[in-house]
Amino acid sequence: MDITRPLLNTFIEQRRKDGASDAYINRNLALLHKMLSLLAEGQPALNVPKFPKLKEPDARKGFCTFAKLYTELPERLRTLVLFLYTTRCRKGEARKLDWSQLIGRRA
């Protein structure tokens, strides 16, 4: 149980040399920290060091929104895609539906 801050720094540098991104290294460190924290619950004498958190890049931008996708669809697909999107129904489930199930039965 000789995990110290200098050892964690060595780990970080080695992971960077291996080509891991800072975000990926943060996930590695988070898992190790969780394991040590769980282990320390049963052993009060165990000292879990403060783990570093590396700077990660901002979240990616420019993802396609539903509205943008919808306007690019051919007219013949828009109704189906809008139904699937709003009901969260899968395509296979939607194909099994009968028209009367969608509009209700007439008395």
PDB file of N, CA and C in Angstrom:
ATOM      1  N   MET A   1       0.828  -1.179   0.000  1.00  0.00           N
ATOM      2  CA  MET A   1       0.000   0.000   0.000  1.00  0.00           C
ATOM      3  C   MET A   1       0.877   1.248   0.000  1.00  0.00           C
ATOM      4  N   ASP A   2       1.845   1.253  -0.865  1.00  0.00           N
ATOM      5  CA  ASP A   2       2.770   2.382  -0.947  1.00  0.00           C
ATOM      6  C   ASP A   2       2.399   3.318  -2.088  1.00  0.00           C
ATOM      7  N   ILE A   3       1.117   3.576  -2.259  1.00  0.00           N
ATOM      8  CA  ILE A   3       0.694   4.495  -3.315  1.00  0.00           C
ATOM      9  C   ILE A   3       0.761   5.903  -2.760  1.00  0.00           C
ATOM     10  N   THR A   4       1.671   6.670  -3.335  1.00  0.00           N
ATOM     11  CA  THR A   4       1.902   8.041  -2.893  1.00  0.00           C
ATOM     12  C   THR A   4       1.695   8.985  -4.068  1.00  0.00           C
ATOM     13  N   ARG A   5       1.678  10.251  -3.780  1.00  0.00           N
ATOM     14  CA  ARG A   5       1.526  11.246  -4.847  1.00  0.00           C
ATOM     15  C   ARG A   5       2.656  11.145  -5.882  1.00  0.00           C
ATOM     16  N   PRO A   6       3.929  11.007  -5.460  1.00  0.00           N
ATOM     17  CA  PRO A   6       4.987  10.850  -6.463  1.00  0.00           C
ATOM     18  C   PRO A   6       4.791   9.600  -7.338  1.00  0.00           C
ATOM     19  N   LEU A   7       4.304   8.517  -6.751  1.00  0.00           N
ATOM     20  CA  LEU A   7       4.054   7.310  -7.536  1.00  0.00           C
ATOM     21  C   LEU A   7       2.917   7.545  -8.533  1.00  0.00           C
ATOM     22  N   LEU A   8       1.897   8.291  -8.111  1.00  0.00           N
ATOM     23  CA  LEU A   8       0.804   8.628  -9.025  1.00  0.00           C
ATOM     24  C   LEU A   8       1.301   9.503 -10.175  1.00  0.00           C
ATOM     25  N   ASN A   9       2.198  10.433  -9.867  1.00  0.00           N
ATOM     26  CA  ASN A   9       2.781  11.280 -10.924  1.00  0.00           C
ATOM     27  C   ASN A   9       3.584  10.441 -11.911  1.00  0.00           C
ATOM     28  N   THR A  10       4.306   9.451 -11.414  1.00  0.00           N
ATOM     29  CA  THR A  10       5.065   8.540 -12.286  1.00  0.00           C
ATOM     30  C   THR A  10       4.096   7.762 -13.174  1.00  0.00           C
ATOM     31  N   PHE A  11       3.008   7.303 -12.573  1.00  0.00           N
ATOM     32  CA  PHE A  11       1.974   6.580 -13.337  1.00  0.00           C
ATOM     33  C   PHE A  11       1.425   7.454 -14.465  1.00  0.00           C
ATOM     34  N   ILE A  12       1.129   8.714 -14.142  1.00  0.00           N
ATOM     35  CA  ILE A  12       0.593   9.639 -15.144  1.00  0.00           C
ATOM     36  C   ILE A  12       1.573   9.815 -16.296  1.00  0.00           C
ATOM     37  N   GLU A  13       2.834  10.028 -15.980  1.00  0.00           N
ATOM     38  CA  GLU A  13       3.834  10.222 -17.031  1.00  0.00           C
ATOM     39  C   GLU A  13       3.983   8.975 -17.901  1.00  0.00           C
ATOM     40  N   GLN A  14       3.940   7.805 -17.277  1.00  0.00           N
ATOM     41  CA  GLN A  14       4.053   6.564 -18.047  1.00  0.00           C
ATOM     42  C   GLN A  14       2.837   6.384 -18.960  1.00  0.00           C
ATOM     43  N   ARG A  15       1.652   6.689 -18.469  1.00  0.00           N
ATOM     44  CA  ARG A  15       0.444   6.563 -19.293  1.00  0.00           C
ATOM     45  C   ARG A  15       0.490   7.545 -20.468  1.00  0.00           C
ATOM     46  N   ARG A  16       1.033   8.745 -20.232  1.00  0.00           N
ATOM     47  CA  ARG A  16       1.181   9.707 -21.335  1.00  0.00           C
ATOM     48  C   ARG A  16       2.163   9.191 -22.374  1.00  0.00           C
ATOM     49  N   LYS A  17       3.270   8.580 -21.913  1.00  0.00           N
ATOM     50  CA  LYS A  17       4.235   7.989 -22.848  1.00  0.00           C
ATOM     51  C   LYS A  17       3.602   6.866 -23.660  1.00  0.00           C
ATOM     52  N   ASP A  18       2.643   6.168 -23.031  1.00  0.00           N
ATOM     53  CA  ASP A  18       1.944   5.084 -23.727  1.00  0.00           C
ATOM     54  C   ASP A  18       0.916   5.607 -24.724  1.00  0.00           C
ATOM     55  N   GLY A  19       0.699   6.924 -24.712  1.00  0.00           N
ATOM     56  CA  GLY A  19      -0.227   7.536 -25.666  1.00  0.00           C
ATOM     57  C   GLY A  19      -1.627   7.770 -25.146  1.00  0.00           C
ATOM     58  N   ALA A  20      -1.839   7.586 -23.850  1.00  0.00           N
ATOM     59  CA  ALA A  20      -3.162   7.804 -23.274  1.00  0.00           C
ATOM     60  C   ALA A  20      -3.448   9.301 -23.136  1.00  0.00           C
ATOM     61  N   SER A  21      -4.697   9.678 -23.386  1.00  0.00           N
ATOM     62  CA  SER A  21      -5.093  11.085 -23.224  1.00  0.00           C
ATOM     63  C   SER A  21      -5.282  11.395 -21.745  1.00  0.00           C
ATOM     64  N   ASP A  22      -5.271  12.681 -21.409  1.00  0.00           N
ATOM     65  CA  ASP A  22      -5.480  13.082 -20.019  1.00  0.00           C
ATOM     66  C   ASP A  22      -6.857  12.638 -19.525  1.00  0.00           C
ATOM     67  N   ALA A  23      -7.858  12.677 -20.394  1.00  0.00           N
ATOM     68  CA  ALA A  23      -9.200  12.234 -20.002  1.00  0.00           C
ATOM     69  C   ALA A  23      -9.187  10.744 -19.659  1.00  0.00           C
ATOM     70  N   TYR A  24      -8.503   9.958 -20.448  1.00  0.00           N
ATOM     71  CA  TYR A  24      -8.414   8.521 -20.204  1.00  0.00           C
ATOM     72  C   TYR A  24      -7.631   8.240 -18.918  1.00  0.00           C
ATOM     73  N   ILE A  25      -6.564   8.995 -18.700  1.00  0.00           N
ATOM     74  CA  ILE A  25      -5.776   8.839 -17.474  1.00  0.00           C
ATOM     75  C   ILE A  25      -6.633   9.199 -16.256  1.00  0.00           C
ATOM     76  N   ASN A  26      -7.453  10.248 -16.378  1.00  0.00           N
ATOM     77  CA  ASN A  26      -8.356  10.603 -15.284  1.00  0.00           C
ATOM     78  C   ASN A  26      -9.292   9.447 -14.942  1.00  0.00           C
ATOM     79  N   ARG A  27      -9.771   8.728 -15.950  1.00  0.00           N
ATOM     80  CA  ARG A  27     -10.646   7.575 -15.693  1.00  0.00           C
ATOM     81  C   ARG A  27      -9.857   6.473 -14.978  1.00  0.00           C
ATOM     82  N   ASN A  28      -8.607   6.251 -15.393  1.00  0.00           N
ATOM     83  CA  ASN A  28      -7.748   5.266 -14.718  1.00  0.00           C
ATOM     84  C   ASN A  28      -7.561   5.635 -13.250  1.00  0.00           C
ATOM     85  N   LEU A  29      -7.256   6.903 -13.005  1.00  0.00           N
ATOM     86  CA  LEU A  29      -7.034   7.374 -11.638  1.00  0.00           C
ATOM     87  C   LEU A  29      -8.314   7.269 -10.799  1.00  0.00           C
ATOM     88  N   ALA A  30      -9.442   7.561 -11.408  1.00  0.00           N
ATOM     89  CA  ALA A  30     -10.713   7.482 -10.684  1.00  0.00           C
ATOM     90  C   ALA A  30     -11.003   6.045 -10.252  1.00  0.00           C
ATOM     91  N   LEU A  31     -10.720   5.092 -11.125  1.00  0.00           N
ATOM     92  CA  LEU A  31     -10.921   3.683 -10.769  1.00  0.00           C
ATOM     93  C   LEU A  31      -9.995   3.261  -9.632  1.00  0.00           C
ATOM     94  N   LEU A  32      -8.739   3.646  -9.724  1.00  0.00           N
ATOM     95  CA  LEU A  32      -7.780   3.308  -8.674  1.00  0.00           C
ATOM     96  C   LEU A  32      -8.187   3.948  -7.346  1.00  0.00           C
ATOM     97  N   HIS A  33      -8.613   5.197  -7.406  1.00  0.00           N
ATOM     98  CA  HIS A  33      -9.041   5.899  -6.193  1.00  0.00           C
ATOM     99  C   HIS A  33     -10.248   5.202  -5.568  1.00  0.00           C
ATOM    100  N   LYS A  34     -11.197   4.792  -6.399  1.00  0.00           N
ATOM    101  CA  LYS A  34     -12.383   4.098  -5.892  1.00  0.00           C
ATOM    102  C   LYS A  34     -11.999   2.774  -5.226  1.00  0.00           C
ATOM    103  N   MET A  35     -11.098   2.030  -5.861  1.00  0.00           N
ATOM    104  CA  MET A  35     -10.662   0.759  -5.285  1.00  0.00           C
ATOM    105  C   MET A  35     -10.000   0.973  -3.929  1.00  0.00           C
ATOM    106  N   LEU A  36      -9.126   1.960  -3.854  1.00  0.00           N
ATOM    107  CA  LEU A  36      -8.447   2.228  -2.585  1.00  0.00           C
ATOM    108  C   LEU A  36      -9.419   2.723  -1.514  1.00  0.00           C
ATOM    109  N   SER A  37     -10.381   3.535  -1.913  1.00  0.00           N
ATOM    110  CA  SER A  37     -11.368   4.043  -0.957  1.00  0.00           C
ATOM    111  C   SER A  37     -12.213   2.909  -0.390  1.00  0.00           C
ATOM    112  N   LEU A  38     -12.605   1.972  -1.240  1.00  0.00           N
ATOM    113  CA  LEU A  38     -13.381   0.822  -0.765  1.00  0.00           C
ATOM    114  C   LEU A  38     -12.543  -0.047   0.169  1.00  0.00           C
ATOM    115  N   LEU A  39     -11.284  -0.223  -0.172  1.00  0.00           N
ATOM    116  CA  LEU A  39     -10.383  -1.004   0.668  1.00  0.00           C
ATOM    117  C   LEU A  39     -10.176  -0.313   2.016  1.00  0.00           C
ATOM    118  N   ALA A  40     -10.087   0.996   2.013  1.00  0.00           N
ATOM    119  CA  ALA A  40      -9.829   1.759   3.239  1.00  0.00           C
ATOM    120  C   ALA A  40     -11.019   1.729   4.196  1.00  0.00           C
ATOM    121  N   GLU A  41     -12.221   1.466   3.675  1.00  0.00           N
ATOM    122  CA  GLU A  41     -13.393   1.398   4.550  1.00  0.00           C
ATOM    123  C   GLU A  41     -13.220   0.318   5.614  1.00  0.00           C
ATOM    124  N   GLY A  42     -12.566  -0.768   5.279  1.00  0.00           N
ATOM    125  CA  GLY A  42     -12.359  -1.852   6.233  1.00  0.00           C
ATOM    126  C   GLY A  42     -11.067  -1.752   7.011  1.00  0.00           C
ATOM    127  N   GLN A  43     -10.229  -0.796   6.639  1.00  0.00           N
ATOM    128  CA  GLN A  43      -8.923  -0.645   7.292  1.00  0.00           C
ATOM    129  C   GLN A  43      -8.681   0.829   7.597  1.00  0.00           C
ATOM    130  N   PRO A  44      -9.099   1.285   8.745  1.00  0.00           N
ATOM    131  CA  PRO A  44      -8.978   2.716   9.078  1.00  0.00           C
ATOM    132  C   PRO A  44      -7.540   3.233   9.040  1.00  0.00           C
ATOM    133  N   ALA A  45      -6.554   2.365   9.236  1.00  0.00           N
ATOM    134  CA  ALA A  45      -5.164   2.808   9.243  1.00  0.00           C
ATOM    135  C   ALA A  45      -4.640   3.086   7.831  1.00  0.00           C
ATOM    136  N   LEU A  46      -5.376   2.626   6.817  1.00  0.00           N
ATOM    137  CA  LEU A  46      -4.942   2.812   5.432  1.00  0.00           C
ATOM    138  C   LEU A  46      -5.145   4.266   5.017  1.00  0.00           C
ATOM    139  N   ASN A  47      -4.085   4.878   4.506  1.00  0.00           N
ATOM    140  CA  ASN A  47      -4.135   6.274   4.103  1.00  0.00           C
ATOM    141  C   ASN A  47      -4.265   6.360   2.580  1.00  0.00           C
ATOM    142  N   VAL A  48      -5.373   6.895   2.101  1.00  0.00           N
ATOM    143  CA  VAL A  48      -5.577   7.074   0.663  1.00  0.00           C
ATOM    144  C   VAL A  48      -5.131   8.487   0.307  1.00  0.00           C
ATOM    145  N   PRO A  49      -4.127   8.607  -0.566  1.00  0.00           N
ATOM    146  CA  PRO A  49      -3.627   9.951  -0.903  1.00  0.00           C
ATOM    147  C   PRO A  49      -4.628  10.729  -1.747  1.00  0.00           C
ATOM    148  N   LYS A  50      -4.431  12.031  -1.806  1.00  0.00           N
ATOM    149  CA  LYS A  50      -5.245  12.879  -2.680  1.00  0.00           C
ATOM    150  C   LYS A  50      -4.799  12.609  -4.117  1.00  0.00           C
ATOM    151  N   PHE A  51      -5.745  12.329  -4.966  1.00  0.00           N
ATOM    152  CA  PHE A  51      -5.430  11.988  -6.350  1.00  0.00           C
ATOM    153  C   PHE A  51      -5.483  13.237  -7.224  1.00  0.00           C
ATOM    154  N   PRO A  52      -4.538  13.374  -8.142  1.00  0.00           N
ATOM    155  CA  PRO A  52      -4.558  14.531  -9.043  1.00  0.00           C
ATOM    156  C   PRO A  52      -5.674  14.387 -10.074  1.00  0.00           C
ATOM    157  N   LYS A  53      -6.137  15.503 -10.582  1.00  0.00           N
ATOM    158  CA  LYS A  53      -7.118  15.517 -11.670  1.00  0.00           C
ATOM    159  C   LYS A  53      -6.508  16.343 -12.791  1.00  0.00           C
ATOM    160  N   LEU A  54      -6.298  15.708 -13.923  1.00  0.00           N
ATOM    161  CA  LEU A  54      -5.675  16.375 -15.061  1.00  0.00           C
ATOM    162  C   LEU A  54      -6.704  17.218 -15.805  1.00  0.00           C
ATOM    163  N   LYS A  55      -6.219  18.272 -16.452  1.00  0.00           N
ATOM    164  CA  LYS A  55      -7.087  19.151 -17.241  1.00  0.00           C
ATOM    165  C   LYS A  55      -7.504  18.401 -18.497  1.00  0.00           C
ATOM    166  N   GLU A  56      -8.803  18.406 -18.736  1.00  0.00           N
ATOM    167  CA  GLU A  56      -9.340  17.753 -19.924  1.00  0.00           C
ATOM    168  C   GLU A  56      -9.827  18.805 -20.906  1.00  0.00           C
ATOM    169  N   PRO A  57      -9.811  18.478 -22.189  1.00  0.00           N
ATOM    170  CA  PRO A  57     -10.336  19.436 -23.170  1.00  0.00           C
ATOM    171  C   PRO A  57     -11.840  19.605 -22.995  1.00  0.00           C
ATOM    172  N   ASP A  58     -12.364  20.728 -23.484  1.00  0.00           N
ATOM    173  CA  ASP A  58     -13.800  20.978 -23.427  1.00  0.00           C
ATOM    174  C   ASP A  58     -14.543  19.895 -24.200  1.00  0.00           C
ATOM    175  N   ALA A  59     -15.795  19.731 -23.853  1.00  0.00           N
ATOM    176  CA  ALA A  59     -16.623  18.743 -24.544  1.00  0.00           C
ATOM    177  C   ALA A  59     -16.701  19.084 -26.027  1.00  0.00           C
ATOM    178  N   ARG A  60     -16.824  18.032 -26.825  1.00  0.00           N
ATOM    179  CA  ARG A  60     -16.899  18.243 -28.267  1.00  0.00           C
ATOM    180  C   ARG A  60     -18.166  19.007 -28.629  1.00  0.00           C
ATOM    181  N   LYS A  61     -18.089  19.741 -29.719  1.00  0.00           N
ATOM    182  CA  LYS A  61     -19.222  20.538 -30.182  1.00  0.00           C
ATOM    183  C   LYS A  61     -19.517  20.196 -31.628  1.00  0.00           C
ATOM    184  N   GLY A  62     -20.675  20.610 -32.080  1.00  0.00           N
ATOM    185  CA  GLY A  62     -21.016  20.431 -33.479  1.00  0.00           C
ATOM    186  C   GLY A  62     -21.773  19.157 -33.772  1.00  0.00           C
ATOM    187  N   PHE A  63     -22.353  18.556 -32.743  1.00  0.00           N
ATOM    188  CA  PHE A  63     -23.134  17.360 -32.980  1.00  0.00           C
ATOM    189  C   PHE A  63     -24.418  17.713 -33.708  1.00  0.00           C
ATOM    190  N   CYS A  64     -24.916  16.767 -34.423  1.00  0.00           N
ATOM    191  CA  CYS A  64     -26.146  16.950 -35.173  1.00  0.00           C
ATOM    192  C   CYS A  64     -27.333  16.936 -34.211  1.00  0.00           C
ATOM    193  N   THR A  65     -28.203  17.900 -34.333  1.00  0.00           N
ATOM    194  CA  THR A  65     -29.416  17.930 -33.522  1.00  0.00           C
ATOM    195  C   THR A  65     -30.543  17.248 -34.292  1.00  0.00           C
ATOM    196  N   PHE A  66     -31.578  16.871 -33.571  1.00  0.00           N
ATOM    197  CA  PHE A  66     -32.709  16.239 -34.252  1.00  0.00           C
ATOM    198  C   PHE A  66     -33.325  17.189 -35.272  1.00  0.00           C
ATOM    199  N   ALA A  67     -33.467  18.452 -34.906  1.00  0.00           N
ATOM    200  CA  ALA A  67     -34.081  19.419 -35.819  1.00  0.00           C
ATOM    201  C   ALA A  67     -33.298  19.530 -37.127  1.00  0.00           C
ATOM    202  N   LYS A  68     -31.970  19.528 -37.020  1.00  0.00           N
ATOM    203  CA  LYS A  68     -31.145  19.625 -38.227  1.00  0.00           C
ATOM    204  C   LYS A  68     -31.280  18.358 -39.069  1.00  0.00           C
ATOM    205  N   LEU A  69     -31.259  17.216 -38.414  1.00  0.00           N
ATOM    206  CA  LEU A  69     -31.413  15.951 -39.114  1.00  0.00           C
ATOM    207  C   LEU A  69     -32.772  15.884 -39.801  1.00  0.00           C
ATOM    208  N   TYR A  70     -33.813  16.287 -39.069  1.00  0.00           N
ATOM    209  CA  TYR A  70     -35.177  16.218 -39.590  1.00  0.00           C
ATOM    210  C   TYR A  70     -35.331  17.026 -40.871  1.00  0.00           C
ATOM    211  N   THR A  71     -34.750  18.215 -40.906  1.00  0.00           N
ATOM    212  CA  THR A  71     -34.887  19.058 -42.105  1.00  0.00           C
ATOM    213  C   THR A  71     -34.137  18.487 -43.298  1.00  0.00           C
ATOM    214  N   GLU A  72     -33.138  17.656 -43.039  1.00  0.00           N
ATOM    215  CA  GLU A  72     -32.360  17.055 -44.126  1.00  0.00           C
ATOM    216  C   GLU A  72     -32.974  15.759 -44.656  1.00  0.00           C
ATOM    217  N   LEU A  73     -33.938  15.217 -43.948  1.00  0.00           N
ATOM    218  CA  LEU A  73     -34.553  13.953 -44.366  1.00  0.00           C
ATOM    219  C   LEU A  73     -35.430  14.136 -45.595  1.00  0.00           C
ATOM    220  N   PRO A  74     -35.539  13.104 -46.417  1.00  0.00           N
ATOM    221  CA  PRO A  74     -36.515  13.154 -47.508  1.00  0.00           C
ATOM    222  C   PRO A  74     -37.926  13.232 -46.918  1.00  0.00           C
ATOM    223  N   GLU A  75     -38.811  13.885 -47.596  1.00  0.00           N
ATOM    224  CA  GLU A  75     -40.183  14.087 -47.110  1.00  0.00           C
ATOM    225  C   GLU A  75     -40.841  12.764 -46.723  1.00  0.00           C
ATOM    226  N   ARG A  76     -40.592  11.707 -47.475  1.00  0.00           N
ATOM    227  CA  ARG A  76     -41.263  10.428 -47.232  1.00  0.00           C
ATOM    228  C   ARG A  76     -40.858   9.781 -45.911  1.00  0.00           C
ATOM    229  N   LEU A  77     -39.726  10.180 -45.319  1.00  0.00           N
ATOM    230  CA  LEU A  77     -39.265   9.587 -44.064  1.00  0.00           C
ATOM    231  C   LEU A  77     -39.585  10.434 -42.832  1.00  0.00           C
ATOM    232  N   ARG A  78     -39.971  11.670 -43.042  1.00  0.00           N
ATOM    233  CA  ARG A  78     -40.123  12.586 -41.908  1.00  0.00           C
ATOM    234  C   ARG A  78     -41.172  12.138 -40.887  1.00  0.00           C
ATOM    235  N   THR A  79     -42.318  11.690 -41.361  1.00  0.00           N
ATOM    236  CA  THR A  79     -43.383  11.287 -40.437  1.00  0.00           C
ATOM    237  C   THR A  79     -42.932  10.104 -39.587  1.00  0.00           C
ATOM    238  N   LEU A  80     -42.351   9.107 -40.224  1.00  0.00           N
ATOM    239  CA  LEU A  80     -41.878   7.932 -39.492  1.00  0.00           C
ATOM    240  C   LEU A  80     -40.804   8.308 -38.471  1.00  0.00           C
ATOM    241  N   VAL A  81     -39.833   9.087 -38.877  1.00  0.00           N
ATOM    242  CA  VAL A  81     -38.742   9.472 -37.976  1.00  0.00           C
ATOM    243  C   VAL A  81     -39.263  10.320 -36.828  1.00  0.00           C
ATOM    244  N   LEU A  82     -40.185  11.222 -37.095  1.00  0.00           N
ATOM    245  CA  LEU A  82     -40.774  12.035 -36.026  1.00  0.00           C
ATOM    246  C   LEU A  82     -41.524  11.143 -35.030  1.00  0.00           C
ATOM    247  N   PHE A  83     -42.265  10.162 -35.536  1.00  0.00           N
ATOM    248  CA  PHE A  83     -42.967   9.224 -34.655  1.00  0.00           C
ATOM    249  C   PHE A  83     -41.968   8.441 -33.798  1.00  0.00           C
ATOM    250  N   LEU A  84     -40.941   7.898 -34.409  1.00  0.00           N
ATOM    251  CA  LEU A  84     -39.944   7.119 -33.669  1.00  0.00           C
ATOM    252  C   LEU A  84     -39.250   7.975 -32.616  1.00  0.00           C
ATOM    253  N   TYR A  85     -38.939   9.197 -32.969  1.00  0.00           N
ATOM    254  CA  TYR A  85     -38.233  10.091 -32.046  1.00  0.00           C
ATOM    255  C   TYR A  85     -39.105  10.490 -30.861  1.00  0.00           C
ATOM    256  N   THR A  86     -40.335  10.862 -31.117  1.00  0.00           N
ATOM    257  CA  THR A  86     -41.187  11.360 -30.031  1.00  0.00           C
ATOM    258  C   THR A  86     -41.705  10.244 -29.134  1.00  0.00           C
ATOM    259  N   THR A  87     -41.904   9.038 -29.680  1.00  0.00           N
ATOM    260  CA  THR A  87     -42.431   7.934 -28.869  1.00  0.00           C
ATOM    261  C   THR A  87     -41.315   7.042 -28.328  1.00  0.00           C
ATOM    262  N   ARG A  88     -40.099   7.219 -28.793  1.00  0.00           N
ATOM    263  CA  ARG A  88     -38.955   6.371 -28.429  1.00  0.00           C
ATOM    264  C   ARG A  88     -39.206   4.919 -28.816  1.00  0.00           C
ATOM    265  N   CYS A  89     -40.028   4.748 -29.821  1.00  0.00           N
ATOM    266  CA  CYS A  89     -40.369   3.421 -30.326  1.00  0.00           C
ATOM    267  C   CYS A  89     -39.274   2.964 -31.285  1.00  0.00           C
ATOM    268  N   ARG A  90     -38.971   1.687 -31.247  1.00  0.00           N
ATOM    269  CA  ARG A  90     -37.981   1.144 -32.183  1.00  0.00           C
ATOM    270  C   ARG A  90     -38.631   0.901 -33.538  1.00  0.00           C
ATOM    271  N   LYS A  91     -37.787   0.894 -34.557  1.00  0.00           N
ATOM    272  CA  LYS A  91     -38.295   0.735 -35.920  1.00  0.00           C
ATOM    273  C   LYS A  91     -39.066  -0.579 -36.072  1.00  0.00           C
ATOM    274  N   GLY A  92     -38.522  -1.671 -35.528  1.00  0.00           N
ATOM    275  CA  GLY A  92     -39.184  -2.965 -35.631  1.00  0.00           C
ATOM    276  C   GLY A  92     -40.531  -2.992 -34.933  1.00  0.00           C
ATOM    277  N   GLU A  93     -40.613  -2.320 -33.780  1.00  0.00           N
ATOM    278  CA  GLU A  93     -41.880  -2.240 -33.059  1.00  0.00           C
ATOM    279  C   GLU A  93     -42.887  -1.403 -33.845  1.00  0.00           C
ATOM    280  N   ALA A  94     -42.421  -0.328 -34.432  1.00  0.00           N
ATOM    281  CA  ALA A  94     -43.312   0.551 -35.195  1.00  0.00           C
ATOM    282  C   ALA A  94     -43.877  -0.177 -36.406  1.00  0.00           C
ATOM    283  N   ARG A  95     -43.091  -1.031 -37.023  1.00  0.00           N
ATOM    284  CA  ARG A  95     -43.571  -1.767 -38.201  1.00  0.00           C
ATOM    285  C   ARG A  95     -44.692  -2.746 -37.853  1.00  0.00           C
ATOM    286  N   LYS A  96     -44.725  -3.204 -36.612  1.00  0.00           N
ATOM    287  CA  LYS A  96     -45.749  -4.162 -36.182  1.00  0.00           C
ATOM    288  C   LYS A  96     -47.077  -3.481 -35.838  1.00  0.00           C
ATOM    289  N   LEU A  97     -47.057  -2.164 -35.686  1.00  0.00           N
ATOM    290  CA  LEU A  97     -48.272  -1.448 -35.303  1.00  0.00           C
ATOM    291  C   LEU A  97     -49.298  -1.450 -36.426  1.00  0.00           C
ATOM    292  N   ASP A  98     -50.547  -1.538 -36.026  1.00  0.00           N
ATOM    293  CA  ASP A  98     -51.652  -1.437 -36.956  1.00  0.00           C
ATOM    294  C   ASP A  98     -52.162   0.008 -36.917  1.00  0.00           C
ATOM    295  N   TRP A  99     -52.685   0.489 -38.024  1.00  0.00           N
ATOM    296  CA  TRP A  99     -53.138   1.870 -38.097  1.00  0.00           C
ATOM    297  C   TRP A  99     -54.165   2.172 -37.006  1.00  0.00           C
ATOM    298  N   SER A 100     -55.035   1.199 -36.697  1.00  0.00           N
ATOM    299  CA  SER A 100     -56.068   1.421 -35.678  1.00  0.00           C
ATOM    300  C   SER A 100     -55.459   1.627 -34.298  1.00  0.00           C
ATOM    301  N   GLN A 101     -54.285   1.094 -34.067  1.00  0.00           N
ATOM    302  CA  GLN A 101     -53.604   1.289 -32.784  1.00  0.00           C
ATOM    303  C   GLN A 101     -53.106   2.726 -32.640  1.00  0.00           C
ATOM    304  N   LEU A 102     -52.848   3.388 -33.736  1.00  0.00           N
ATOM    305  CA  LEU A 102     -52.336   4.746 -33.708  1.00  0.00           C
ATOM    306  C   LEU A 102     -53.439   5.784 -33.582  1.00  0.00           C
ATOM    307  N   ILE A 103     -54.560   5.569 -34.229  1.00  0.00           N
ATOM    308  CA  ILE A 103     -55.617   6.576 -34.220  1.00  0.00           C
ATOM    309  C   ILE A 103     -56.766   6.202 -33.302  1.00  0.00           C
ATOM    310  N   GLY A 104     -56.769   5.013 -32.736  1.00  0.00           N
ATOM    311  CA  GLY A 104     -57.858   4.574 -31.867  1.00  0.00           C
ATOM    312  C   GLY A 104     -58.964   3.932 -32.670  1.00  0.00           C
ATOM    313  N   ARG A 105     -59.701   3.092 -32.008  1.00  0.00           N
ATOM    314  CA  ARG A 105     -60.790   2.395 -32.697  1.00  0.00           C
ATOM    315  C   ARG A 105     -62.044   3.256 -32.702  1.00  0.00           C
ATOM    316  N   ARG A 106     -62.738   3.174 -33.776  1.00  0.00           N
ATOM    317  CA  ARG A 106     -64.010   3.893 -33.896  1.00  0.00           C
ATOM    318  C   ARG A 106     -65.135   2.995 -33.417  1.00  0.00           C
ATOM    319  N   ALA A 107     -66.083   3.573 -32.722  1.00  0.00           N
ATOM    320  CA  ALA A 107     -67.202   2.786 -32.196  1.00  0.00           C
ATOM    321  C   ALA A 107     -68.213   2.457 -33.262  1.00  0.00           C
TER     322      ALA A 107
END
